[in-house]
Amino acid sequence: CELQDADCGFLCYEAEPHIPMKTL
């Protein structure tokens, strides 16, 4: 819930599916 309130909130995850940090 706290991550949802951010301009840019995310989780770091090594498995698929994921997106590159630069793209986000």
PDB file of all heavy atoms in Angstrom:
ATOM      1  N   CYS A   1       0.831  -1.212   0.000  1.00  0.00           N
ATOM      2  CA  CYS A   1       0.000   0.000   0.000  1.00  0.00           C
ATOM      3  C   CYS A   1       0.862   1.256   0.000  1.00  0.00           C
ATOM      4  O   CYS A   1       0.545   2.241  -0.680  1.00  0.00           O
ATOM      5  CB  CYS A   1      -0.932  -0.001   1.203  1.00  0.00           C
ATOM      6  SG  CYS A   1      -2.173  -1.309   1.186  1.00  0.00           S
ATOM      7  N   GLU A   2       1.951   1.243   0.754  1.00  0.00           N
ATOM      8  CA  GLU A   2       2.819   2.414   0.811  1.00  0.00           C
ATOM      9  C   GLU A   2       3.572   2.603  -0.503  1.00  0.00           C
ATOM     10  O   GLU A   2       3.807   3.742  -0.931  1.00  0.00           O
ATOM     11  CB  GLU A   2       3.779   2.301   1.992  1.00  0.00           C
ATOM     12  CG  GLU A   2       3.058   2.311   3.344  1.00  0.00           C
ATOM     13  CD  GLU A   2       3.973   2.651   4.501  1.00  0.00           C
ATOM     14  OE1 GLU A   2       5.174   2.906   4.281  1.00  0.00           O
ATOM     15  OE2 GLU A   2       3.477   2.657   5.646  1.00  0.00           O
ATOM     16  N   LEU A   3       3.930   1.514  -1.148  1.00  0.00           N
ATOM     17  CA  LEU A   3       4.582   1.637  -2.452  1.00  0.00           C
ATOM     18  C   LEU A   3       3.644   2.250  -3.489  1.00  0.00           C
ATOM     19  O   LEU A   3       4.076   3.014  -4.369  1.00  0.00           O
ATOM     20  CB  LEU A   3       5.054   0.272  -2.950  1.00  0.00           C
ATOM     21  CG  LEU A   3       6.197  -0.427  -2.198  1.00  0.00           C
ATOM     22  CD1 LEU A   3       6.587  -1.715  -2.932  1.00  0.00           C
ATOM     23  CD2 LEU A   3       7.408   0.468  -2.040  1.00  0.00           C
ATOM     24  N   GLN A   4       2.361   1.930  -3.389  1.00  0.00           N
ATOM     25  CA  GLN A   4       1.387   2.462  -4.348  1.00  0.00           C
ATOM     26  C   GLN A   4       1.268   3.980  -4.282  1.00  0.00           C
ATOM     27  O   GLN A   4       0.893   4.621  -5.264  1.00  0.00           O
ATOM     28  CB  GLN A   4       0.010   1.836  -4.090  1.00  0.00           C
ATOM     29  CG  GLN A   4      -0.104   0.378  -4.510  1.00  0.00           C
ATOM     30  CD  GLN A   4      -1.459  -0.196  -4.150  1.00  0.00           C
ATOM     31  OE1 GLN A   4      -1.902  -0.130  -3.006  1.00  0.00           O
ATOM     32  NE2 GLN A   4      -2.140  -0.758  -5.137  1.00  0.00           N
ATOM     33  N   ASP A   5       1.606   4.571  -3.136  1.00  0.00           N
ATOM     34  CA  ASP A   5       1.463   6.016  -2.958  1.00  0.00           C
ATOM     35  C   ASP A   5       2.640   6.813  -3.523  1.00  0.00           C
ATOM     36  O   ASP A   5       2.604   8.042  -3.526  1.00  0.00           O
ATOM     37  CB  ASP A   5       1.313   6.354  -1.465  1.00  0.00           C
ATOM     38  CG  ASP A   5      -0.002   5.848  -0.887  1.00  0.00           C
ATOM     39  OD1 ASP A   5      -0.972   5.700  -1.668  1.00  0.00           O
ATOM     40  OD2 ASP A   5      -0.071   5.608   0.335  1.00  0.00           O
ATOM     41  N   ALA A   6       3.680   6.133  -3.982  1.00  0.00           N
ATOM     42  CA  ALA A   6       4.877   6.822  -4.463  1.00  0.00           C
ATOM     43  C   ALA A   6       4.748   7.247  -5.917  1.00  0.00           C
ATOM     44  O   ALA A   6       3.955   6.685  -6.681  1.00  0.00           O
ATOM     45  CB  ALA A   6       6.096   5.911  -4.297  1.00  0.00           C
ATOM     46  N   ASP A   7       5.539   8.250  -6.313  1.00  0.00           N
ATOM     47  CA  ASP A   7       5.653   8.587  -7.739  1.00  0.00           C
ATOM     48  C   ASP A   7       6.178   7.384  -8.516  1.00  0.00           C
ATOM     49  O   ASP A   7       5.758   7.116  -9.643  1.00  0.00           O
ATOM     50  CB  ASP A   7       6.630   9.756  -7.943  1.00  0.00           C
ATOM     51  CG  ASP A   7       6.143  11.048  -7.341  1.00  0.00           C
ATOM     52  OD1 ASP A   7       4.929  11.175  -7.099  1.00  0.00           O
ATOM     53  OD2 ASP A   7       6.980  11.942  -7.114  1.00  0.00           O
ATOM     54  N   CYS A   8       7.127   6.684  -7.889  1.00  0.00           N
ATOM     55  CA  CYS A   8       7.744   5.531  -8.531  1.00  0.00           C
ATOM     56  C   CYS A   8       7.967   4.452  -7.471  1.00  0.00           C
ATOM     57  O   CYS A   8       8.965   4.462  -6.748  1.00  0.00           O
ATOM     58  CB  CYS A   8       9.076   5.918  -9.179  1.00  0.00           C
ATOM     59  SG  CYS A   8       9.872   4.564 -10.096  1.00  0.00           S
ATOM     60  N   GLY A   9       7.003   3.536  -7.355  1.00  0.00           N
ATOM     61  CA  GLY A   9       7.095   2.453  -6.394  1.00  0.00           C
ATOM     62  C   GLY A   9       7.245   1.126  -7.119  1.00  0.00           C
ATOM     63  O   GLY A   9       6.558   0.889  -8.121  1.00  0.00           O
ATOM     64  N   PHE A  10       8.126   0.270  -6.637  1.00  0.00           N
ATOM     65  CA  PHE A  10       8.360  -0.993  -7.341  1.00  0.00           C
ATOM     66  C   PHE A  10       9.005  -2.018  -6.416  1.00  0.00           C
ATOM     67  O   PHE A  10       9.469  -1.699  -5.315  1.00  0.00           O
ATOM     68  CB  PHE A  10       9.240  -0.769  -8.570  1.00  0.00           C
ATOM     69  CG  PHE A  10      10.595  -0.168  -8.278  1.00  0.00           C
ATOM     70  CD1 PHE A  10      11.721  -0.969  -8.148  1.00  0.00           C
ATOM     71  CD2 PHE A  10      10.744   1.212  -8.150  1.00  0.00           C
ATOM     72  CE1 PHE A  10      12.964  -0.413  -7.896  1.00  0.00           C
ATOM     73  CE2 PHE A  10      11.989   1.777  -7.897  1.00  0.00           C
ATOM     74  CZ  PHE A  10      13.100   0.971  -7.767  1.00  0.00           C
ATOM     75  N   LEU A  11       9.033  -3.269  -6.874  1.00  0.00           N
ATOM     76  CA  LEU A  11       9.701  -4.360  -6.174  1.00  0.00           C
ATOM     77  C   LEU A  11      10.812  -4.896  -7.069  1.00  0.00           C
ATOM     78  O   LEU A  11      10.649  -4.953  -8.296  1.00  0.00           O
ATOM     79  CB  LEU A  11       8.733  -5.496  -5.837  1.00  0.00           C
ATOM     80  CG  LEU A  11       7.596  -5.197  -4.856  1.00  0.00           C
ATOM     81  CD1 LEU A  11       6.431  -4.511  -5.558  1.00  0.00           C
ATOM     82  CD2 LEU A  11       7.127  -6.475  -4.164  1.00  0.00           C
ATOM     83  N   CYS A  12      11.910  -5.283  -6.482  1.00  0.00           N
ATOM     84  CA  CYS A  12      13.001  -5.879  -7.246  1.00  0.00           C
ATOM     85  C   CYS A  12      12.808  -7.388  -7.258  1.00  0.00           C
ATOM     86  O   CYS A  12      12.673  -8.024  -6.212  1.00  0.00           O
ATOM     87  CB  CYS A  12      14.342  -5.502  -6.620  1.00  0.00           C
ATOM     88  SG  CYS A  12      14.661  -3.731  -6.688  1.00  0.00           S
ATOM     89  N   TYR A  13      12.806  -7.964  -8.471  1.00  0.00           N
ATOM     90  CA  TYR A  13      12.402  -9.361  -8.642  1.00  0.00           C
ATOM     91  C   TYR A  13      13.230  -9.989  -9.745  1.00  0.00           C
ATOM     92  O   TYR A  13      13.297  -9.464 -10.863  1.00  0.00           O
ATOM     93  CB  TYR A  13      10.918  -9.394  -8.998  1.00  0.00           C
ATOM     94  CG  TYR A  13      10.274 -10.763  -9.028  1.00  0.00           C
ATOM     95  CD1 TYR A  13      10.311 -11.606  -7.922  1.00  0.00           C
ATOM     96  CD2 TYR A  13       9.593 -11.190 -10.163  1.00  0.00           C
ATOM     97  CE1 TYR A  13       9.698 -12.844  -7.947  1.00  0.00           C
ATOM     98  CE2 TYR A  13       8.965 -12.430 -10.191  1.00  0.00           C
ATOM     99  CZ  TYR A  13       9.022 -13.258  -9.080  1.00  0.00           C
ATOM    100  OH  TYR A  13       8.409 -14.484  -9.099  1.00  0.00           O
ATOM    101  N   GLU A  14      13.877 -11.119  -9.418  1.00  0.00           N
ATOM    102  CA  GLU A  14      14.796 -11.707 -10.385  1.00  0.00           C
ATOM    103  C   GLU A  14      14.128 -12.627 -11.398  1.00  0.00           C
ATOM    104  O   GLU A  14      14.701 -12.933 -12.442  1.00  0.00           O
ATOM    105  CB  GLU A  14      15.896 -12.491  -9.647  1.00  0.00           C
ATOM    106  CG  GLU A  14      15.458 -13.780  -8.968  1.00  0.00           C
ATOM    107  CD  GLU A  14      14.877 -13.541  -7.580  1.00  0.00           C
ATOM    108  OE1 GLU A  14      14.647 -12.359  -7.215  1.00  0.00           O
ATOM    109  OE2 GLU A  14      14.650 -14.535  -6.865  1.00  0.00           O
ATOM    110  N   ALA A  15      12.913 -13.090 -11.103  1.00  0.00           N
ATOM    111  CA  ALA A  15      12.242 -14.035 -11.997  1.00  0.00           C
ATOM    112  C   ALA A  15      11.350 -13.294 -12.998  1.00  0.00           C
ATOM    113  O   ALA A  15      11.048 -12.118 -12.841  1.00  0.00           O
ATOM    114  CB  ALA A  15      11.414 -15.035 -11.187  1.00  0.00           C
ATOM    115  N   GLU A  16      10.939 -13.980 -14.025  1.00  0.00           N
ATOM    116  CA  GLU A  16       9.992 -13.408 -14.990  1.00  0.00           C
ATOM    117  C   GLU A  16       8.579 -13.486 -14.415  1.00  0.00           C
ATOM    118  O   GLU A  16       8.280 -14.387 -13.627  1.00  0.00           O
ATOM    119  CB  GLU A  16      10.050 -14.188 -16.307  1.00  0.00           C
ATOM    120  CG  GLU A  16      11.370 -14.059 -17.047  1.00  0.00           C
ATOM    121  CD  GLU A  16      11.569 -12.692 -17.693  1.00  0.00           C
ATOM    122  OE1 GLU A  16      10.616 -11.879 -17.666  1.00  0.00           O
ATOM    123  OE2 GLU A  16      12.649 -12.450 -18.217  1.00  0.00           O
ATOM    124  N   PRO A  17       7.695 -12.549 -14.789  1.00  0.00           N
ATOM    125  CA  PRO A  17       7.942 -11.411 -15.675  1.00  0.00           C
ATOM    126  C   PRO A  17       8.494 -10.221 -14.891  1.00  0.00           C
ATOM    127  O   PRO A  17       8.119  -9.993 -13.745  1.00  0.00           O
ATOM    128  CB  PRO A  17       6.555 -11.102 -16.222  1.00  0.00           C
ATOM    129  CG  PRO A  17       5.639 -11.473 -15.092  1.00  0.00           C
ATOM    130  CD  PRO A  17       6.268 -12.654 -14.410  1.00  0.00           C
ATOM    131  N   HIS A  18       9.390  -9.475 -15.510  1.00  0.00           N
ATOM    132  CA  HIS A  18       9.898  -8.251 -14.905  1.00  0.00           C
ATOM    133  C   HIS A  18      10.310  -7.292 -16.028  1.00  0.00           C
ATOM    134  O   HIS A  18      10.362  -7.665 -17.195  1.00  0.00           O
ATOM    135  CB  HIS A  18      11.060  -8.533 -13.954  1.00  0.00           C
ATOM    136  CG  HIS A  18      12.204  -9.264 -14.592  1.00  0.00           C
ATOM    137  ND1 HIS A  18      12.970 -10.181 -13.921  1.00  0.00           N
ATOM    138  CD2 HIS A  18      12.747  -9.218 -15.843  1.00  0.00           C
ATOM    139  CE1 HIS A  18      13.909 -10.664 -14.711  1.00  0.00           C
ATOM    140  NE2 HIS A  18      13.788 -10.100 -15.884  1.00  0.00           N
ATOM    141  N   ILE A  19      10.587  -6.052 -15.640  1.00  0.00           N
ATOM    142  CA  ILE A  19      11.016  -5.047 -16.614  1.00  0.00           C
ATOM    143  C   ILE A  19      12.352  -4.469 -16.159  1.00  0.00           C
ATOM    144  O   ILE A  19      12.658  -4.470 -14.959  1.00  0.00           O
ATOM    145  CB  ILE A  19       9.976  -3.918 -16.795  1.00  0.00           C
ATOM    146  CG1 ILE A  19       9.786  -3.135 -15.484  1.00  0.00           C
ATOM    147  CG2 ILE A  19       8.656  -4.465 -17.285  1.00  0.00           C
ATOM    148  CD1 ILE A  19       8.924  -1.910 -15.631  1.00  0.00           C
ATOM    149  N   PRO A  20      13.155  -3.965 -17.082  1.00  0.00           N
ATOM    150  CA  PRO A  20      14.423  -3.341 -16.693  1.00  0.00           C
ATOM    151  C   PRO A  20      14.183  -2.073 -15.865  1.00  0.00           C
ATOM    152  O   PRO A  20      13.219  -1.333 -16.103  1.00  0.00           O
ATOM    153  CB  PRO A  20      15.081  -3.008 -18.035  1.00  0.00           C
ATOM    154  CG  PRO A  20      14.419  -3.892 -19.031  1.00  0.00           C
ATOM    155  CD  PRO A  20      13.008  -4.051 -18.545  1.00  0.00           C
ATOM    156  N   MET A  21      15.050  -1.823 -14.915  1.00  0.00           N
ATOM    157  CA  MET A  21      14.912  -0.650 -14.067  1.00  0.00           C
ATOM    158  C   MET A  21      14.954   0.639 -14.884  1.00  0.00           C
ATOM    159  O   MET A  21      14.195   1.576 -14.636  1.00  0.00           O
ATOM    160  CB  MET A  21      16.025  -0.651 -13.011  1.00  0.00           C
ATOM    161  CG  MET A  21      15.902   0.442 -11.975  1.00  0.00           C
ATOM    162  SD  MET A  21      16.868   0.079 -10.471  1.00  0.00           S
ATOM    163  CE  MET A  21      18.471  -0.309 -11.181  1.00  0.00           C
ATOM    164  N   LYS A  22      15.817   0.705 -15.882  1.00  0.00           N
ATOM    165  CA  LYS A  22      15.916   1.902 -16.714  1.00  0.00           C
ATOM    166  C   LYS A  22      14.608   2.192 -17.423  1.00  0.00           C
ATOM    167  O   LYS A  22      14.188   3.352 -17.545  1.00  0.00           O
ATOM    168  CB  LYS A  22      17.048   1.739 -17.730  1.00  0.00           C
ATOM    169  CG  LYS A  22      17.251   2.948 -18.621  1.00  0.00           C
ATOM    170  CD  LYS A  22      18.402   2.731 -19.593  1.00  0.00           C
ATOM    171  CE  LYS A  22      18.582   3.942 -20.492  1.00  0.00           C
ATOM    172  NZ  LYS A  22      19.706   3.750 -21.460  1.00  0.00           N
ATOM    173  N   THR A  23      13.929   1.136 -17.882  1.00  0.00           N
ATOM    174  CA  THR A  23      12.643   1.319 -18.563  1.00  0.00           C
ATOM    175  C   THR A  23      11.618   1.927 -17.624  1.00  0.00           C
ATOM    176  O   THR A  23      10.892   2.864 -17.987  1.00  0.00           O
ATOM    177  CB  THR A  23      12.129  -0.039 -19.085  1.00  0.00           C
ATOM    178  OG1 THR A  23      13.068  -0.568 -20.014  1.00  0.00           O
ATOM    179  CG2 THR A  23      10.767   0.118 -19.756  1.00  0.00           C
ATOM    180  N   LEU A  24      11.562   1.420 -16.391  1.00  0.00           N
ATOM    181  CA  LEU A  24      10.615   1.956 -15.410  1.00  0.00           C
ATOM    182  C   LEU A  24      10.897   3.421 -15.129  1.00  0.00           C
ATOM    183  O   LEU A  24       9.981   4.253 -15.142  1.00  0.00           O
ATOM    184  CB  LEU A  24      10.700   1.155 -14.111  1.00  0.00           C
ATOM    185  CG  LEU A  24       9.863   1.717 -12.950  1.00  0.00           C
ATOM    186  CD1 LEU A  24       8.377   1.580 -13.242  1.00  0.00           C
ATOM    187  CD2 LEU A  24      10.224   1.032 -11.640  1.00  0.00           C
TER     188      LEU A  24
END
